[in-house]
Amino acid sequence: MTITTAELARIRAAAIGDMLGDPKALDKLGPAATIFRLCRELEHAQNEKTELQEVVVRIYKALKGEK
């Protein structure tokens, strides 16, 4: 399940509200599942980034003739 642009904007606005001193800002988001989904999306993005970096390093080493 993907976080929509609108959901991301709501999360961002709530986080800003929380940082500016509104302790209930994040509570207004509703279910914690939204935050959980965002965390999972970030984990997946980080994993994909790491995999891509590994591929780039292997290609670079292959082009240089390294193992």
PDB file of N, CA and C in Angstrom:
ATOM      1  N   MET A   1       0.845  -1.165   0.000  1.00  0.00           N
ATOM      2  CA  MET A   1       0.000   0.000   0.000  1.00  0.00           C
ATOM      3  C   MET A   1       0.898   1.239   0.000  1.00  0.00           C
ATOM      4  N   THR A   2       0.558   2.196  -0.794  1.00  0.00           N
ATOM      5  CA  THR A   2       1.379   3.380  -0.977  1.00  0.00           C
ATOM      6  C   THR A   2       0.797   4.576  -0.234  1.00  0.00           C
ATOM      7  N   ILE A   3       1.679   5.410   0.270  1.00  0.00           N
ATOM      8  CA  ILE A   3       1.265   6.668   0.888  1.00  0.00           C
ATOM      9  C   ILE A   3       0.972   7.647  -0.246  1.00  0.00           C
ATOM     10  N   THR A   4      -0.206   8.245  -0.232  1.00  0.00           N
ATOM     11  CA  THR A   4      -0.555   9.201  -1.274  1.00  0.00           C
ATOM     12  C   THR A   4       0.095  10.552  -0.984  1.00  0.00           C
ATOM     13  N   THR A   5       0.118  11.399  -1.987  1.00  0.00           N
ATOM     14  CA  THR A   5       0.661  12.745  -1.821  1.00  0.00           C
ATOM     15  C   THR A   5      -0.113  13.517  -0.765  1.00  0.00           C
ATOM     16  N   ALA A   6      -1.425  13.354  -0.754  1.00  0.00           N
ATOM     17  CA  ALA A   6      -2.261  14.051   0.231  1.00  0.00           C
ATOM     18  C   ALA A   6      -1.962  13.573   1.649  1.00  0.00           C
ATOM     19  N   GLU A   7      -1.793  12.252   1.819  1.00  0.00           N
ATOM     20  CA  GLU A   7      -1.466  11.716   3.142  1.00  0.00           C
ATOM     21  C   GLU A   7      -0.098  12.213   3.605  1.00  0.00           C
ATOM     22  N   LEU A   8       0.847  12.251   2.697  1.00  0.00           N
ATOM     23  CA  LEU A   8       2.174  12.732   3.034  1.00  0.00           C
ATOM     24  C   LEU A   8       2.127  14.198   3.456  1.00  0.00           C
ATOM     25  N   ALA A   9       1.326  14.991   2.770  1.00  0.00           N
ATOM     26  CA  ALA A   9       1.171  16.404   3.133  1.00  0.00           C
ATOM     27  C   ALA A   9       0.555  16.543   4.524  1.00  0.00           C
ATOM     28  N   ARG A  10      -0.426  15.705   4.858  1.00  0.00           N
ATOM     29  CA  ARG A  10      -1.039  15.744   6.190  1.00  0.00           C
ATOM     30  C   ARG A  10      -0.037  15.367   7.263  1.00  0.00           C
ATOM     31  N   ILE A  11       0.781  14.338   6.986  1.00  0.00           N
ATOM     32  CA  ILE A  11       1.795  13.906   7.939  1.00  0.00           C
ATOM     33  C   ILE A  11       2.819  15.023   8.150  1.00  0.00           C
ATOM     34  N   ARG A  12       3.245  15.630   7.053  1.00  0.00           N
ATOM     35  CA  ARG A  12       4.228  16.712   7.126  1.00  0.00           C
ATOM     36  C   ARG A  12       3.671  17.878   7.934  1.00  0.00           C
ATOM     37  N   ALA A  13       2.425  18.256   7.666  1.00  0.00           N
ATOM     38  CA  ALA A  13       1.803  19.371   8.389  1.00  0.00           C
ATOM     39  C   ALA A  13       1.675  19.055   9.877  1.00  0.00           C
ATOM     40  N   ALA A  14       1.315  17.828  10.205  1.00  0.00           N
ATOM     41  CA  ALA A  14       1.196  17.430  11.610  1.00  0.00           C
ATOM     42  C   ALA A  14       2.557  17.444  12.293  1.00  0.00           C
ATOM     43  N   ALA A  15       3.581  16.990  11.598  1.00  0.00           N
ATOM     44  CA  ALA A  15       4.927  16.993  12.173  1.00  0.00           C
ATOM     45  C   ALA A  15       5.399  18.421  12.432  1.00  0.00           C
ATOM     46  N   ILE A  16       5.107  19.312  11.504  1.00  0.00           N
ATOM     47  CA  ILE A  16       5.470  20.721  11.691  1.00  0.00           C
ATOM     48  C   ILE A  16       4.714  21.295  12.881  1.00  0.00           C
ATOM     49  N   GLY A  17       3.420  20.997  12.963  1.00  0.00           N
ATOM     50  CA  GLY A  17       2.625  21.458  14.108  1.00  0.00           C
ATOM     51  C   GLY A  17       3.197  20.952  15.418  1.00  0.00           C
ATOM     52  N   ASP A  18       3.613  19.703  15.427  1.00  0.00           N
ATOM     53  CA  ASP A  18       4.202  19.115  16.631  1.00  0.00           C
ATOM     54  C   ASP A  18       5.504  19.835  16.999  1.00  0.00           C
ATOM     55  N   MET A  19       6.325  20.107  15.997  1.00  0.00           N
ATOM     56  CA  MET A  19       7.589  20.800  16.254  1.00  0.00           C
ATOM     57  C   MET A  19       7.362  22.227  16.752  1.00  0.00           C
ATOM     58  N   LEU A  20       6.258  22.832  16.331  1.00  0.00           N
ATOM     59  CA  LEU A  20       5.957  24.207  16.742  1.00  0.00           C
ATOM     60  C   LEU A  20       5.204  24.265  18.061  1.00  0.00           C
ATOM     61  N   GLY A  21       5.020  23.119  18.700  1.00  0.00           N
ATOM     62  CA  GLY A  21       4.459  23.119  20.037  1.00  0.00           C
ATOM     63  C   GLY A  21       3.035  22.622  20.184  1.00  0.00           C
ATOM     64  N   ASP A  22       2.436  22.103  19.127  1.00  0.00           N
ATOM     65  CA  ASP A  22       1.092  21.543  19.244  1.00  0.00           C
ATOM     66  C   ASP A  22       1.219  20.050  19.529  1.00  0.00           C
ATOM     67  N   PRO A  23       1.150  19.654  20.806  1.00  0.00           N
ATOM     68  CA  PRO A  23       1.385  18.250  21.139  1.00  0.00           C
ATOM     69  C   PRO A  23       0.325  17.300  20.595  1.00  0.00           C
ATOM     70  N   LYS A  24      -0.808  17.807  20.187  1.00  0.00           N
ATOM     71  CA  LYS A  24      -1.887  16.961  19.661  1.00  0.00           C
ATOM     72  C   LYS A  24      -1.867  16.867  18.135  1.00  0.00           C
ATOM     73  N   ALA A  25      -0.924  17.559  17.498  1.00  0.00           N
ATOM     74  CA  ALA A  25      -0.915  17.620  16.031  1.00  0.00           C
ATOM     75  C   ALA A  25      -0.845  16.235  15.397  1.00  0.00           C
ATOM     76  N   LEU A  26       0.035  15.398  15.900  1.00  0.00           N
ATOM     77  CA  LEU A  26       0.168  14.065  15.320  1.00  0.00           C
ATOM     78  C   LEU A  26      -1.031  13.191  15.669  1.00  0.00           C
ATOM     79  N   ASP A  27      -1.670  13.451  16.811  1.00  0.00           N
ATOM     80  CA  ASP A  27      -2.855  12.685  17.193  1.00  0.00           C
ATOM     81  C   ASP A  27      -4.007  12.922  16.217  1.00  0.00           C
ATOM     82  N   LYS A  28      -4.030  14.083  15.587  1.00  0.00           N
ATOM     83  CA  LYS A  28      -5.116  14.434  14.658  1.00  0.00           C
ATOM     84  C   LYS A  28      -5.053  13.650  13.350  1.00  0.00           C
ATOM     85  N   LEU A  29      -3.934  12.968  13.121  1.00  0.00           N
ATOM     86  CA  LEU A  29      -3.794  12.194  11.881  1.00  0.00           C
ATOM     87  C   LEU A  29      -4.742  11.007  11.823  1.00  0.00           C
ATOM     88  N   GLY A  30      -5.159  10.542  12.968  1.00  0.00           N
ATOM     89  CA  GLY A  30      -6.023   9.371  12.978  1.00  0.00           C
ATOM     90  C   GLY A  30      -5.229   8.143  13.349  1.00  0.00           C
ATOM     91  N   PRO A  31      -5.477   7.053  12.666  1.00  0.00           N
ATOM     92  CA  PRO A  31      -4.846   5.791  13.052  1.00  0.00           C
ATOM     93  C   PRO A  31      -3.327   5.825  12.894  1.00  0.00           C
ATOM     94  N   ALA A  32      -2.687   5.134  13.815  1.00  0.00           N
ATOM     95  CA  ALA A  32      -1.233   5.022  13.754  1.00  0.00           C
ATOM     96  C   ALA A  32      -0.794   4.242  12.522  1.00  0.00           C
ATOM     97  N   ALA A  33      -1.731   3.559  11.887  1.00  0.00           N
ATOM     98  CA  ALA A  33      -1.400   2.786  10.690  1.00  0.00           C
ATOM     99  C   ALA A  33      -0.836   3.683   9.591  1.00  0.00           C
ATOM    100  N   THR A  34      -1.278   4.924   9.523  1.00  0.00           N
ATOM    101  CA  THR A  34      -0.765   5.844   8.512  1.00  0.00           C
ATOM    102  C   THR A  34       0.722   6.093   8.739  1.00  0.00           C
ATOM    103  N   ILE A  35       1.096   6.343   9.984  1.00  0.00           N
ATOM    104  CA  ILE A  35       2.504   6.564  10.309  1.00  0.00           C
ATOM    105  C   ILE A  35       3.295   5.286  10.054  1.00  0.00           C
ATOM    106  N   PHE A  36       2.719   4.150  10.422  1.00  0.00           N
ATOM    107  CA  PHE A  36       3.386   2.862  10.195  1.00  0.00           C
ATOM    108  C   PHE A  36       3.641   2.658   8.706  1.00  0.00           C
ATOM    109  N   ARG A  37       2.636   2.941   7.876  1.00  0.00           N
ATOM    110  CA  ARG A  37       2.805   2.778   6.423  1.00  0.00           C
ATOM    111  C   ARG A  37       3.906   3.691   5.903  1.00  0.00           C
ATOM    112  N   LEU A  38       3.963   4.922   6.419  1.00  0.00           N
ATOM    113  CA  LEU A  38       5.008   5.842   5.992  1.00  0.00           C
ATOM    114  C   LEU A  38       6.382   5.283   6.343  1.00  0.00           C
ATOM    115  N   CYS A  39       6.513   4.759   7.551  1.00  0.00           N
ATOM    116  CA  CYS A  39       7.791   4.162   7.966  1.00  0.00           C
ATOM    117  C   CYS A  39       8.171   3.001   7.063  1.00  0.00           C
ATOM    118  N   ARG A  40       7.207   2.156   6.734  1.00  0.00           N
ATOM    119  CA  ARG A  40       7.480   1.013   5.845  1.00  0.00           C
ATOM    120  C   ARG A  40       7.914   1.506   4.465  1.00  0.00           C
ATOM    121  N   GLU A  41       7.254   2.545   3.966  1.00  0.00           N
ATOM    122  CA  GLU A  41       7.626   3.100   2.656  1.00  0.00           C
ATOM    123  C   GLU A  41       9.069   3.613   2.692  1.00  0.00           C
ATOM    124  N   LEU A  42       9.433   4.277   3.780  1.00  0.00           N
ATOM    125  CA  LEU A  42      10.794   4.787   3.905  1.00  0.00           C
ATOM    126  C   LEU A  42      11.805   3.649   3.983  1.00  0.00           C
ATOM    127  N   GLU A  43      11.457   2.581   4.704  1.00  0.00           N
ATOM    128  CA  GLU A  43      12.342   1.414   4.772  1.00  0.00           C
ATOM    129  C   GLU A  43      12.545   0.804   3.390  1.00  0.00           C
ATOM    130  N   HIS A  44      11.454   0.663   2.646  1.00  0.00           N
ATOM    131  CA  HIS A  44      11.558   0.089   1.297  1.00  0.00           C
ATOM    132  C   HIS A  44      12.405   0.982   0.399  1.00  0.00           C
ATOM    133  N   ALA A  45      12.206   2.278   0.502  1.00  0.00           N
ATOM    134  CA  ALA A  45      12.984   3.209  -0.325  1.00  0.00           C
ATOM    135  C   ALA A  45      14.469   3.107   0.016  1.00  0.00           C
ATOM    136  N   GLN A  46      14.772   2.995   1.310  1.00  0.00           N
ATOM    137  CA  GLN A  46      16.176   2.873   1.724  1.00  0.00           C
ATOM    138  C   GLN A  46      16.776   1.572   1.212  1.00  0.00           C
ATOM    139  N   ASN A  47      16.009   0.489   1.283  1.00  0.00           N
ATOM    140  CA  ASN A  47      16.503  -0.804   0.784  1.00  0.00           C
ATOM    141  C   ASN A  47      16.765  -0.741  -0.709  1.00  0.00           C
ATOM    142  N   GLU A  48      15.859  -0.120  -1.457  1.00  0.00           N
ATOM    143  CA  GLU A  48      16.033  -0.001  -2.901  1.00  0.00           C
ATOM    144  C   GLU A  48      17.246   0.849  -3.229  1.00  0.00           C
ATOM    145  N   LYS A  49      17.443   1.920  -2.448  1.00  0.00           N
ATOM    146  CA  LYS A  49      18.604   2.789  -2.656  1.00  0.00           C
ATOM    147  C   LYS A  49      19.884   1.996  -2.426  1.00  0.00           C
ATOM    148  N   THR A  50      19.923   1.216  -1.350  1.00  0.00           N
ATOM    149  CA  THR A  50      21.110   0.419  -1.031  1.00  0.00           C
ATOM    150  C   THR A  50      21.396  -0.584  -2.137  1.00  0.00           C
ATOM    151  N   GLU A  51      20.352  -1.256  -2.614  1.00  0.00           N
ATOM    152  CA  GLU A  51      20.534  -2.232  -3.690  1.00  0.00           C
ATOM    153  C   GLU A  51      21.067  -1.553  -4.951  1.00  0.00           C
ATOM    154  N   LEU A  52      20.534  -0.391  -5.265  1.00  0.00           N
ATOM    155  CA  LEU A  52      20.983   0.337  -6.449  1.00  0.00           C
ATOM    156  C   LEU A  52      22.436   0.769  -6.297  1.00  0.00           C
ATOM    157  N   GLN A  53      22.798   1.234  -5.101  1.00  0.00           N
ATOM    158  CA  GLN A  53      24.193   1.615  -4.852  1.00  0.00           C
ATOM    159  C   GLN A  53      25.122   0.427  -5.047  1.00  0.00           C
ATOM    160  N   GLU A  54      24.709  -0.751  -4.567  1.00  0.00           N
ATOM    161  CA  GLU A  54      25.530  -1.947  -4.717  1.00  0.00           C
ATOM    162  C   GLU A  54      25.722  -2.302  -6.183  1.00  0.00           C
ATOM    163  N   VAL A  55      24.674  -2.170  -6.971  1.00  0.00           N
ATOM    164  CA  VAL A  55      24.760  -2.455  -8.401  1.00  0.00           C
ATOM    165  C   VAL A  55      25.710  -1.472  -9.074  1.00  0.00           C
ATOM    166  N   VAL A  56      25.605  -0.209  -8.733  1.00  0.00           N
ATOM    167  CA  VAL A  56      26.470   0.817  -9.326  1.00  0.00           C
ATOM    168  C   VAL A  56      27.931   0.533  -8.975  1.00  0.00           C
ATOM    169  N   VAL A  57      28.202   0.156  -7.731  1.00  0.00           N
ATOM    170  CA  VAL A  57      29.571  -0.158  -7.315  1.00  0.00           C
ATOM    171  C   VAL A  57      30.095  -1.356  -8.099  1.00  0.00           C
ATOM    172  N   ARG A  58      29.277  -2.404  -8.272  1.00  0.00           N
ATOM    173  CA  ARG A  58      29.713  -3.585  -9.037  1.00  0.00           C
ATOM    174  C   ARG A  58      30.013  -3.213 -10.489  1.00  0.00           C
ATOM    175  N   ILE A  59      29.165  -2.385 -11.080  1.00  0.00           N
ATOM    176  CA  ILE A  59      29.386  -1.966 -12.472  1.00  0.00           C
ATOM    177  C   ILE A  59      30.670  -1.150 -12.563  1.00  0.00           C
ATOM    178  N   TYR A  60      30.843  -0.237 -11.617  1.00  0.00           N
ATOM    179  CA  TYR A  60      32.038   0.605 -11.613  1.00  0.00           C
ATOM    180  C   TYR A  60      33.300  -0.248 -11.505  1.00  0.00           C
ATOM    181  N   LYS A  61      33.268  -1.212 -10.577  1.00  0.00           N
ATOM    182  CA  LYS A  61      34.436  -2.096 -10.402  1.00  0.00           C
ATOM    183  C   LYS A  61      34.674  -2.934 -11.645  1.00  0.00           C
ATOM    184  N   ALA A  62      33.602  -3.389 -12.273  1.00  0.00           N
ATOM    185  CA  ALA A  62      33.742  -4.193 -13.503  1.00  0.00           C
ATOM    186  C   ALA A  62      34.364  -3.354 -14.609  1.00  0.00           C
ATOM    187  N   LEU A  63      33.960  -2.103 -14.717  1.00  0.00           N
ATOM    188  CA  LEU A  63      34.515  -1.231 -15.741  1.00  0.00           C
ATOM    189  C   LEU A  63      35.991  -0.937 -15.497  1.00  0.00           C
ATOM    190  N   LYS A  64      36.368  -0.893 -14.233  1.00  0.00           N
ATOM    191  CA  LYS A  64      37.769  -0.645 -13.878  1.00  0.00           C
ATOM    192  C   LYS A  64      38.590  -1.930 -13.916  1.00  0.00           C
ATOM    193  N   GLY A  65      37.941  -3.079 -14.071  1.00  0.00           N
ATOM    194  CA  GLY A  65      38.632  -4.356 -14.108  1.00  0.00           C
ATOM    195  C   GLY A  65      38.915  -4.935 -12.730  1.00  0.00           C
ATOM    196  N   GLU A  66      38.241  -4.407 -11.698  1.00  0.00           N
ATOM    197  CA  GLU A  66      38.414  -4.918 -10.337  1.00  0.00           C
ATOM    198  C   GLU A  66      37.414  -6.041 -10.083  1.00  0.00           C
ATOM    199  N   LYS A  67      37.716  -6.817  -9.048  1.00  0.00           N
ATOM    200  CA  LYS A  67      36.774  -7.879  -8.660  1.00  0.00           C
ATOM    201  C   LYS A  67      35.992  -7.453  -7.469  1.00  0.00           C
TER     202      LYS A  67
END
